Amino acid sequence: MDEFFAEMIAGEDGEKYRQMRSVLESNLTKLRVLRVGRLRYTCTSWEKTRVGNWAGLHTVSVET
């Protein structure tokens, strides 16, 4: 998680990504980042929330 969010938080929209990370960490118990690919990769995490509902995040990232 630290590596995934580090560059985004350092950018001009850093506060938005900091808030997003905080919401994810507050509601998901075992948050992980799964990278698939070299330059373009998929990041996915699906977990049960503290109240037992399923929630997750899926995004595609391109490294340049």
PDB file of N, CA and C in Angstrom:
ATOM      1  N   MET A   1       0.819  -1.193   0.000  1.00  0.00           N
ATOM      2  CA  MET A   1       0.000   0.000   0.000  1.00  0.00           C
ATOM      3  C   MET A   1       0.861   1.254   0.000  1.00  0.00           C
ATOM      4  N   ASP A   2       1.931   1.258   0.775  1.00  0.00           N
ATOM      5  CA  ASP A   2       2.780   2.451   0.837  1.00  0.00           C
ATOM      6  C   ASP A   2       3.343   2.787  -0.544  1.00  0.00           C
ATOM      7  N   GLU A   3       3.879   1.785  -1.228  1.00  0.00           N
ATOM      8  CA  GLU A   3       4.465   2.006  -2.544  1.00  0.00           C
ATOM      9  C   GLU A   3       3.403   2.430  -3.565  1.00  0.00           C
ATOM     10  N   PHE A   4       2.237   1.801  -3.505  1.00  0.00           N
ATOM     11  CA  PHE A   4       1.165   2.102  -4.449  1.00  0.00           C
ATOM     12  C   PHE A   4       0.716   3.556  -4.340  1.00  0.00           C
ATOM     13  N   PHE A   5       0.550   4.054  -3.116  1.00  0.00           N
ATOM     14  CA  PHE A   5       0.027   5.399  -2.917  1.00  0.00           C
ATOM     15  C   PHE A   5       1.107   6.486  -2.879  1.00  0.00           C
ATOM     16  N   ALA A   6       2.373   6.133  -2.698  1.00  0.00           N
ATOM     17  CA  ALA A   6       3.427   7.125  -2.481  1.00  0.00           C
ATOM     18  C   ALA A   6       3.482   8.188  -3.576  1.00  0.00           C
ATOM     19  N   GLU A   7       3.557   7.780  -4.824  1.00  0.00           N
ATOM     20  CA  GLU A   7       3.672   8.742  -5.917  1.00  0.00           C
ATOM     21  C   GLU A   7       2.411   9.577  -6.085  1.00  0.00           C
ATOM     22  N   MET A   8       1.261   8.949  -5.910  1.00  0.00           N
ATOM     23  CA  MET A   8      -0.003   9.682  -6.074  1.00  0.00           C
ATOM     24  C   MET A   8      -0.179  10.726  -4.982  1.00  0.00           C
ATOM     25  N   ILE A   9       0.184  10.378  -3.757  1.00  0.00           N
ATOM     26  CA  ILE A   9       0.050  11.315  -2.646  1.00  0.00           C
ATOM     27  C   ILE A   9       1.016  12.478  -2.807  1.00  0.00           C
ATOM     28  N   ALA A  10       2.172  12.233  -3.424  1.00  0.00           N
ATOM     29  CA  ALA A  10       3.168  13.287  -3.636  1.00  0.00           C
ATOM     30  C   ALA A  10       2.771  14.249  -4.763  1.00  0.00           C
ATOM     31  N   GLY A  11       1.817  13.871  -5.598  1.00  0.00           N
ATOM     32  CA  GLY A  11       1.412  14.694  -6.732  1.00  0.00           C
ATOM     33  C   GLY A  11       0.460  15.812  -6.346  1.00  0.00           C
ATOM     34  N   GLU A  12      -0.011  16.528  -7.360  1.00  0.00           N
ATOM     35  CA  GLU A  12      -0.870  17.692  -7.123  1.00  0.00           C
ATOM     36  C   GLU A  12      -2.239  17.330  -6.550  1.00  0.00           C
ATOM     37  N   ASP A  13      -2.704  16.105  -6.771  1.00  0.00           N
ATOM     38  CA  ASP A  13      -3.979  15.647  -6.202  1.00  0.00           C
ATOM     39  C   ASP A  13      -3.758  14.811  -4.949  1.00  0.00           C
ATOM     40  N   GLY A  14      -2.627  15.010  -4.291  1.00  0.00           N
ATOM     41  CA  GLY A  14      -2.231  14.198  -3.152  1.00  0.00           C
ATOM     42  C   GLY A  14      -3.261  14.089  -2.047  1.00  0.00           C
ATOM     43  N   GLU A  15      -3.920  15.180  -1.730  1.00  0.00           N
ATOM     44  CA  GLU A  15      -4.898  15.159  -0.638  1.00  0.00           C
ATOM     45  C   GLU A  15      -6.064  14.230  -0.952  1.00  0.00           C
ATOM     46  N   LYS A  16      -6.502  14.187  -2.196  1.00  0.00           N
ATOM     47  CA  LYS A  16      -7.599  13.294  -2.589  1.00  0.00           C
ATOM     48  C   LYS A  16      -7.195  11.838  -2.405  1.00  0.00           C
ATOM     49  N   TYR A  17      -5.959  11.506  -2.805  1.00  0.00           N
ATOM     50  CA  TYR A  17      -5.481  10.125  -2.656  1.00  0.00           C
ATOM     51  C   TYR A  17      -5.240   9.775  -1.199  1.00  0.00           C
ATOM     52  N   ARG A  18      -4.814  10.735  -0.401  1.00  0.00           N
ATOM     53  CA  ARG A  18      -4.638  10.500   1.029  1.00  0.00           C
ATOM     54  C   ARG A  18      -5.989  10.179   1.673  1.00  0.00           C
ATOM     55  N   GLN A  19      -7.024  10.916   1.275  1.00  0.00           N
ATOM     56  CA  GLN A  19      -8.362  10.660   1.799  1.00  0.00           C
ATOM     57  C   GLN A  19      -8.881   9.299   1.337  1.00  0.00           C
ATOM     58  N   MET A  20      -8.633   8.965   0.062  1.00  0.00           N
ATOM     59  CA  MET A  20      -9.081   7.670  -0.447  1.00  0.00           C
ATOM     60  C   MET A  20      -8.412   6.527   0.320  1.00  0.00           C
ATOM     61  N   ARG A  21      -7.120   6.641   0.550  1.00  0.00           N
ATOM     62  CA  ARG A  21      -6.420   5.596   1.295  1.00  0.00           C
ATOM     63  C   ARG A  21      -6.984   5.472   2.708  1.00  0.00           C
ATOM     64  N   SER A  22      -7.253   6.593   3.326  1.00  0.00           N
ATOM     65  CA  SER A  22      -7.800   6.576   4.678  1.00  0.00           C
ATOM     66  C   SER A  22      -9.155   5.869   4.732  1.00  0.00           C
ATOM     67  N   VAL A  23     -10.026   6.148   3.762  1.00  0.00           N
ATOM     68  CA  VAL A  23     -11.340   5.492   3.705  1.00  0.00           C
ATOM     69  C   VAL A  23     -11.178   3.990   3.492  1.00  0.00           C
ATOM     70  N   LEU A  24     -10.298   3.603   2.582  1.00  0.00           N
ATOM     71  CA  LEU A  24     -10.072   2.179   2.330  1.00  0.00           C
ATOM     72  C   LEU A  24      -9.558   1.478   3.581  1.00  0.00           C
ATOM     73  N   GLU A  25      -8.556   2.062   4.232  1.00  0.00           N
ATOM     74  CA  GLU A  25      -7.983   1.432   5.416  1.00  0.00           C
ATOM     75  C   GLU A  25      -8.948   1.409   6.592  1.00  0.00           C
ATOM     76  N   SER A  26      -9.866   2.354   6.638  1.00  0.00           N
ATOM     77  CA  SER A  26     -10.854   2.391   7.722  1.00  0.00           C
ATOM     78  C   SER A  26     -11.942   1.347   7.553  1.00  0.00           C
ATOM     79  N   ASN A  27     -12.188   0.932   6.310  1.00  0.00           N
ATOM     80  CA  ASN A  27     -13.319   0.050   6.053  1.00  0.00           C
ATOM     81  C   ASN A  27     -12.956  -1.359   5.612  1.00  0.00           C
ATOM     82  N   LEU A  28     -11.743  -1.574   5.162  1.00  0.00           N
ATOM     83  CA  LEU A  28     -11.326  -2.900   4.712  1.00  0.00           C
ATOM     84  C   LEU A  28     -10.262  -3.439   5.654  1.00  0.00           C
ATOM     85  N   THR A  29     -10.357  -4.718   5.953  1.00  0.00           N
ATOM     86  CA  THR A  29      -9.489  -5.275   6.982  1.00  0.00           C
ATOM     87  C   THR A  29      -8.143  -5.772   6.477  1.00  0.00           C
ATOM     88  N   LYS A  30      -8.063  -6.297   5.272  1.00  0.00           N
ATOM     89  CA  LYS A  30      -6.815  -6.861   4.757  1.00  0.00           C
ATOM     90  C   LYS A  30      -6.506  -6.291   3.377  1.00  0.00           C
ATOM     91  N   LEU A  31      -6.352  -5.006   3.306  1.00  0.00           N
ATOM     92  CA  LEU A  31      -6.153  -4.322   2.035  1.00  0.00           C
ATOM     93  C   LEU A  31      -4.788  -4.658   1.451  1.00  0.00           C
ATOM     94  N   ARG A  32      -4.774  -5.068   0.181  1.00  0.00           N
ATOM     95  CA  ARG A  32      -3.555  -5.432  -0.529  1.00  0.00           C
ATOM     96  C   ARG A  32      -3.606  -4.852  -1.931  1.00  0.00           C
ATOM     97  N   VAL A  33      -2.438  -4.706  -2.546  1.00  0.00           N
ATOM     98  CA  VAL A  33      -2.341  -4.291  -3.941  1.00  0.00           C
ATOM     99  C   VAL A  33      -1.759  -5.452  -4.723  1.00  0.00           C
ATOM    100  N   LEU A  34      -2.429  -5.853  -5.774  1.00  0.00           N
ATOM    101  CA  LEU A  34      -1.970  -6.928  -6.644  1.00  0.00           C
ATOM    102  C   LEU A  34      -1.603  -6.311  -7.976  1.00  0.00           C
ATOM    103  N   ARG A  35      -0.334  -6.406  -8.345  1.00  0.00           N
ATOM    104  CA  ARG A  35       0.126  -5.868  -9.627  1.00  0.00           C
ATOM    105  C   ARG A  35       0.216  -6.988 -10.641  1.00  0.00           C
ATOM    106  N   VAL A  36      -0.375  -6.761 -11.795  1.00  0.00           N
ATOM    107  CA  VAL A  36      -0.316  -7.713 -12.893  1.00  0.00           C
ATOM    108  C   VAL A  36       0.166  -6.951 -14.117  1.00  0.00           C
ATOM    109  N   GLY A  37       1.329  -7.294 -14.638  1.00  0.00           N
ATOM    110  CA  GLY A  37       1.884  -6.612 -15.800  1.00  0.00           C
ATOM    111  C   GLY A  37       3.141  -5.845 -15.450  1.00  0.00           C
ATOM    112  N   ARG A  38       3.756  -5.237 -16.478  1.00  0.00           N
ATOM    113  CA  ARG A  38       5.000  -4.489 -16.265  1.00  0.00           C
ATOM    114  C   ARG A  38       4.787  -2.989 -16.296  1.00  0.00           C
ATOM    115  N   LEU A  39       4.342  -2.449 -17.411  1.00  0.00           N
ATOM    116  CA  LEU A  39       4.117  -1.006 -17.500  1.00  0.00           C
ATOM    117  C   LEU A  39       2.675  -0.638 -17.194  1.00  0.00           C
ATOM    118  N   ARG A  40       1.769  -1.483 -17.600  1.00  0.00           N
ATOM    119  CA  ARG A  40       0.349  -1.285 -17.308  1.00  0.00           C
ATOM    120  C   ARG A  40      -0.069  -2.431 -16.407  1.00  0.00           C
ATOM    121  N   TYR A  41      -0.632  -2.107 -15.285  1.00  0.00           N
ATOM    122  CA  TYR A  41      -1.003  -3.173 -14.376  1.00  0.00           C
ATOM    123  C   TYR A  41      -2.351  -2.899 -13.726  1.00  0.00           C
ATOM    124  N   THR A  42      -2.935  -3.965 -13.267  1.00  0.00           N
ATOM    125  CA  THR A  42      -4.233  -3.916 -12.612  1.00  0.00           C
ATOM    126  C   THR A  42      -4.038  -4.012 -11.111  1.00  0.00           C
ATOM    127  N   CYS A  43      -4.722  -3.177 -10.378  1.00  0.00           N
ATOM    128  CA  CYS A  43      -4.682  -3.222  -8.920  1.00  0.00           C
ATOM    129  C   CYS A  43      -6.090  -3.549  -8.435  1.00  0.00           C
ATOM    130  N   THR A  44      -6.196  -4.602  -7.675  1.00  0.00           N
ATOM    131  CA  THR A  44      -7.499  -5.056  -7.215  1.00  0.00           C
ATOM    132  C   THR A  44      -7.431  -5.468  -5.758  1.00  0.00           C
ATOM    133  N   SER A  45      -8.444  -5.168  -5.009  1.00  0.00           N
ATOM    134  CA  SER A  45      -8.576  -5.669  -3.646  1.00  0.00           C
ATOM    135  C   SER A  45     -10.058  -5.805  -3.326  1.00  0.00           C
ATOM    136  N   TRP A  46     -10.453  -6.985  -2.898  1.00  0.00           N
ATOM    137  CA  TRP A  46     -11.819  -7.247  -2.463  1.00  0.00           C
ATOM    138  C   TRP A  46     -11.743  -7.859  -1.078  1.00  0.00           C
ATOM    139  N   GLU A  47     -12.415  -7.278  -0.144  1.00  0.00           N
ATOM    140  CA  GLU A  47     -12.399  -7.759   1.236  1.00  0.00           C
ATOM    141  C   GLU A  47     -13.769  -7.553   1.876  1.00  0.00           C
ATOM    142  N   LYS A  48     -13.974  -8.229   2.966  1.00  0.00           N
ATOM    143  CA  LYS A  48     -15.179  -7.985   3.747  1.00  0.00           C
ATOM    144  C   LYS A  48     -14.941  -6.802   4.665  1.00  0.00           C
ATOM    145  N   THR A  49     -15.958  -5.958   4.783  1.00  0.00           N
ATOM    146  CA  THR A  49     -15.856  -4.823   5.696  1.00  0.00           C
ATOM    147  C   THR A  49     -16.023  -5.323   7.127  1.00  0.00           C
ATOM    148  N   ARG A  50     -15.849  -4.436   8.051  1.00  0.00           N
ATOM    149  CA  ARG A  50     -15.967  -4.816   9.467  1.00  0.00           C
ATOM    150  C   ARG A  50     -17.374  -5.266   9.840  1.00  0.00           C
ATOM    151  N   VAL A  51     -18.378  -4.857   9.054  1.00  0.00           N
ATOM    152  CA  VAL A  51     -19.750  -5.277   9.335  1.00  0.00           C
ATOM    153  C   VAL A  51     -20.173  -6.470   8.481  1.00  0.00           C
ATOM    154  N   GLY A  52     -19.242  -7.019   7.683  1.00  0.00           N
ATOM    155  CA  GLY A  52     -19.520  -8.238   6.937  1.00  0.00           C
ATOM    156  C   GLY A  52     -19.932  -8.071   5.486  1.00  0.00           C
ATOM    157  N   ASN A  53     -20.004  -6.841   4.977  1.00  0.00           N
ATOM    158  CA  ASN A  53     -20.335  -6.617   3.569  1.00  0.00           C
ATOM    159  C   ASN A  53     -19.072  -6.706   2.722  1.00  0.00           C
ATOM    160  N   TRP A  54     -19.234  -7.035   1.435  1.00  0.00           N
ATOM    161  CA  TRP A  54     -18.093  -7.065   0.522  1.00  0.00           C
ATOM    162  C   TRP A  54     -17.887  -5.683  -0.083  1.00  0.00           C
ATOM    163  N   ALA A  55     -16.628  -5.258  -0.165  1.00  0.00           N
ATOM    164  CA  ALA A  55     -16.277  -3.980  -0.792  1.00  0.00           C
ATOM    165  C   ALA A  55     -14.909  -4.124  -1.427  1.00  0.00           C
ATOM    166  N   GLY A  56     -14.610  -3.267  -2.389  1.00  0.00           N
ATOM    167  CA  GLY A  56     -13.300  -3.378  -2.999  1.00  0.00           C
ATOM    168  C   GLY A  56     -12.952  -2.218  -3.887  1.00  0.00           C
ATOM    169  N   LEU A  57     -11.761  -2.327  -4.455  1.00  0.00           N
ATOM    170  CA  LEU A  57     -11.232  -1.310  -5.345  1.00  0.00           C
ATOM    171  C   LEU A  57     -10.589  -2.021  -6.523  1.00  0.00           C
ATOM    172  N   HIS A  58     -10.863  -1.539  -7.717  1.00  0.00           N
ATOM    173  CA  HIS A  58     -10.237  -2.076  -8.931  1.00  0.00           C
ATOM    174  C   HIS A  58      -9.839  -0.895  -9.792  1.00  0.00           C
ATOM    175  N   THR A  59      -8.588  -0.856 -10.177  1.00  0.00           N
ATOM    176  CA  THR A  59      -8.116   0.235 -11.022  1.00  0.00           C
ATOM    177  C   THR A  59      -7.002  -0.265 -11.939  1.00  0.00           C
ATOM    178  N   VAL A  60      -6.743   0.471 -12.994  1.00  0.00           N
ATOM    179  CA  VAL A  60      -5.651   0.172 -13.911  1.00  0.00           C
ATOM    180  C   VAL A  60      -4.675   1.332 -13.829  1.00  0.00           C
ATOM    181  N   SER A  61      -3.399   1.014 -13.737  1.00  0.00           N
ATOM    182  CA  SER A  61      -2.374   2.041 -13.626  1.00  0.00           C
ATOM    183  C   SER A  61      -1.352   1.853 -14.747  1.00  0.00           C
ATOM    184  N   VAL A  62      -0.858   2.954 -15.287  1.00  0.00           N
ATOM    185  CA  VAL A  62       0.157   2.914 -16.330  1.00  0.00           C
ATOM    186  C   VAL A  62       1.379   3.659 -15.809  1.00  0.00           C
ATOM    187  N   GLU A  63       2.522   2.970 -15.746  1.00  0.00           N
ATOM    188  CA  GLU A  63       3.750   3.618 -15.305  1.00  0.00           C
ATOM    189  C   GLU A  63       4.481   4.173 -16.524  1.00  0.00           C
ATOM    190  N   THR A  64       4.960   5.387 -16.398  1.00  0.00           N
ATOM    191  CA  THR A  64       5.696   5.987 -17.518  1.00  0.00           C
ATOM    192  C   THR A  64       7.079   6.385 -17.067  1.00  0.00           C
TER     193      THR A  64
END
